C-alpha atoms as a PDB file:
ATOM      1  CA  ASP A   1      -0.154  -7.050   0.883  1.00  0.00           C
ATOM      2  CA  VAL A   2       2.491  -7.295  -1.827  1.00  0.00           C
ATOM      3  CA  PHE A   3       3.145 -10.961  -1.088  1.00  0.00           C
ATOM      4  CA  ILE A   4      -0.588 -11.695  -1.055  1.00  0.00           C
ATOM      5  CA  GLY A   5      -0.848 -10.153  -4.514  1.00  0.00           C
ATOM      6  CA  ILE A   6       2.108 -12.198  -5.726  1.00  0.00           C
ATOM      7  CA  GLY A   7       0.557 -15.355  -4.247  1.00  0.00           C
ATOM      8  CA  SER A   8      -2.733 -14.652  -5.991  1.00  0.00           C
ATOM      9  CA  GLY A   9      -0.893 -14.265  -9.288  1.00  0.00           C
ATOM     10  CA  TYR A  10       0.829 -17.608  -8.803  1.00  0.00           C
ATOM     11  CA  GLU A  11      -2.521 -19.231  -7.969  1.00  0.00           C
ATOM     12  CA  LYS A  12      -3.977 -17.993 -11.254  1.00  0.00           C
ATOM     13  CA  LEU A  13      -0.997 -19.525 -13.044  1.00  0.00           C
ATOM     14  CA  LYS A  14      -1.609 -22.820 -11.182  1.00  0.00           C
ATOM     15  CA  ARG A  15       1.804 -22.523  -9.513  1.00  0.00           C
ATOM     16  CA  ASP A  16       0.751 -23.694  -6.078  1.00  0.00           C
ATOM     17  CA  VAL A  17       4.234 -24.148  -4.598  1.00  0.00           C
ATOM     18  CA  SER A  18       5.173 -20.571  -5.492  1.00  0.00           C
ATOM     19  CA  ALA A  19       1.820 -19.331  -4.152  1.00  0.00           C
ATOM     20  CA  ILE A  20       2.419 -21.112  -0.844  1.00  0.00           C
ATOM     21  CA  GLU A  21       5.873 -19.534  -0.593  1.00  0.00           C
ATOM     22  CA  ALA A  22       4.441 -16.063  -1.263  1.00  0.00           C
ATOM     23  CA  TYR A  23       1.680 -16.484   1.340  1.00  0.00           C
ATOM     24  CA  GLN A  24       4.250 -17.753   3.851  1.00  0.00           C
ATOM     25  CA  LYS A  25       6.294 -14.593   3.203  1.00  0.00           C
ATOM     26  CA  ALA A  26       3.143 -12.517   3.743  1.00  0.00           C
ATOM     27  CA  ILE A  27       2.647 -14.285   7.088  1.00  0.00           C
ATOM     28  CA  ASP A  28       6.299 -13.734   8.005  1.00  0.00           C
ATOM     29  CA  ALA A  29       5.878 -10.030   7.246  1.00  0.00           C
ATOM     30  CA  ASP A  30       2.550  -9.804   9.121  1.00  0.00           C
ATOM     31  CA  PRO A  31       1.828 -12.779  11.398  1.00  0.00           C
ATOM     32  CA  ASN A  32      -1.623 -11.307  12.110  1.00  0.00           C
ATOM     33  CA  SER A  33      -2.810 -11.362   8.493  1.00  0.00           C
ATOM     34  CA  ALA A  34      -6.031 -13.368   8.450  1.00  0.00           C
ATOM     35  CA  LEU A  35      -6.190 -12.906   4.674  1.00  0.00           C
ATOM     36  CA  ALA A  36      -2.759 -14.500   4.160  1.00  0.00           C
ATOM     37  CA  TYR A  37      -3.764 -17.535   6.241  1.00  0.00           C
ATOM     38  CA  TYR A  38      -7.065 -17.785   4.365  1.00  0.00           C
ATOM     39  CA  LYS A  39      -5.383 -17.673   0.948  1.00  0.00           C
ATOM     40  CA  LEU A  40      -2.754 -20.160   2.127  1.00  0.00           C
ATOM     41  CA  ALA A  41      -5.514 -22.520   3.267  1.00  0.00           C
ATOM     42  CA  ASP A  42      -7.184 -22.321  -0.144  1.00  0.00           C
ATOM     43  CA  VAL A  43      -3.959 -23.436  -1.846  1.00  0.00           C
ATOM     44  CA  TYR A  44      -3.532 -26.269   0.645  1.00  0.00           C
ATOM     45  CA  THR A  45      -7.105 -27.340  -0.112  1.00  0.00           C
ATOM     46  CA  SER A  46      -6.409 -27.407  -3.845  1.00  0.00           C
ATOM     47  CA  GLN A  47      -3.399 -29.627  -3.102  1.00  0.00           C
ATOM     48  CA  ARG A  48      -5.520 -31.912  -0.908  1.00  0.00           C
ATOM     49  CA  GLU A  49      -3.426 -30.965   2.134  1.00  0.00           C
ATOM     50  CA  TYR A  50      -6.551 -30.877   4.282  1.00  0.00           C
ATOM     51  CA  THR A  51      -4.850 -30.899   7.684  1.00  0.00           C
ATOM     52  CA  LYS A  52      -2.728 -27.884   6.772  1.00  0.00           C
ATOM     53  CA  ALA A  53      -5.777 -26.216   5.220  1.00  0.00           C
ATOM     54  CA  LYS A  54      -7.813 -26.781   8.379  1.00  0.00           C
ATOM     55  CA  GLU A  55      -5.069 -25.276  10.555  1.00  0.00           C
ATOM     56  CA  SER A  56      -4.762 -22.235   8.300  1.00  0.00           C
ATOM     57  CA  TYR A  57      -8.535 -21.646   8.153  1.00  0.00           C
ATOM     58  CA  GLU A  58      -8.668 -21.899  11.953  1.00  0.00           C
ATOM     59  CA  LYS A  59      -5.842 -19.368  12.250  1.00  0.00           C
ATOM     60  CA  ALA A  60      -7.625 -16.989   9.861  1.00  0.00           C
ATOM     61  CA  ILE A  61     -10.779 -17.166  11.986  1.00  0.00           C
ATOM     62  CA  SER A  62      -8.849 -16.682  15.229  1.00  0.00           C
ATOM     63  CA  LEU A  63      -7.099 -13.590  13.809  1.00  0.00           C
ATOM     64  CA  ASP A  64     -10.320 -12.107  12.412  1.00  0.00           C
ATOM     65  CA  PRO A  65     -13.182 -13.417  14.574  1.00  0.00           C
ATOM     66  CA  GLU A  66     -15.527 -10.638  13.435  1.00  0.00           C
ATOM     67  CA  GLY A  67     -14.895 -11.234   9.728  1.00  0.00           C
ATOM     68  CA  LYS A  68     -13.563  -7.774   8.901  1.00  0.00           C
ATOM     69  CA  THR A  69     -10.934  -8.894   6.367  1.00  0.00           C
ATOM     70  CA  VAL A  70     -12.196 -12.353   5.418  1.00  0.00           C
ATOM     71  CA  ASN A  71     -15.726 -13.635   4.893  1.00  0.00           C
ATOM     72  CA  LYS A  72     -16.253 -15.478   8.163  1.00  0.00           C
ATOM     73  CA  ALA A  73     -19.136 -17.630   6.912  1.00  0.00           C
ATOM     74  CA  GLU A  74     -17.144 -18.694   3.859  1.00  0.00           C
ATOM     75  CA  VAL A  75     -14.051 -19.506   5.948  1.00  0.00           C
ATOM     76  CA  GLN A  76     -16.148 -21.557   8.378  1.00  0.00           C
ATOM     77  CA  LYS A  77     -17.751 -23.457   5.488  1.00  0.00           C
ATOM     78  CA  LYS A  78     -14.356 -24.257   3.958  1.00  0.00           C
ATOM     79  CA  LEU A  79     -13.054 -25.236   7.400  1.00  0.00           C
ATOM     80  CA  ARG A  80     -15.895 -27.732   7.798  1.00  0.00           C
ATOM     81  CA  GLU A  81     -15.226 -29.153   4.322  1.00  0.00           C
ATOM     82  CA  ALA A  82     -11.496 -29.564   5.016  1.00  0.00           C
ATOM     83  CA  SER A  83     -12.220 -31.135   8.399  1.00  0.00           C
ATOM     84  CA  SER A  84     -14.626 -33.638   6.882  1.00  0.00           C
ATOM     85  CA  LYS A  85     -12.038 -34.708   4.293  1.00  0.00           C
ATOM     86  CA  ILE A  86      -9.350 -35.337   6.937  1.00  0.00           C
ATOM     87  CA  ASN A  87     -11.389 -38.090   8.520  1.00  0.00           C
ATOM     88  CA  LYS A  88     -11.998 -39.991   5.278  1.00  0.00           C
END
């Protein structure tokens, strides 16, 4: 949770590389954190890293299939958007 908070702070400062590092540390600390994968995917999307974003959104959904920690509908929508941009 601490690393997710740090990552969010970096995102607000538009420091994507630092945000990615913080979310990776959150995942290292808790490999089952759907929220960390979701936030990581959002940063990848903002960097136009759509393949990495797609993989991270998929991981978030697989870790939280019932949508208890992340908004499942929102994650699925962003997953579709990232997937559509990969093929262009």
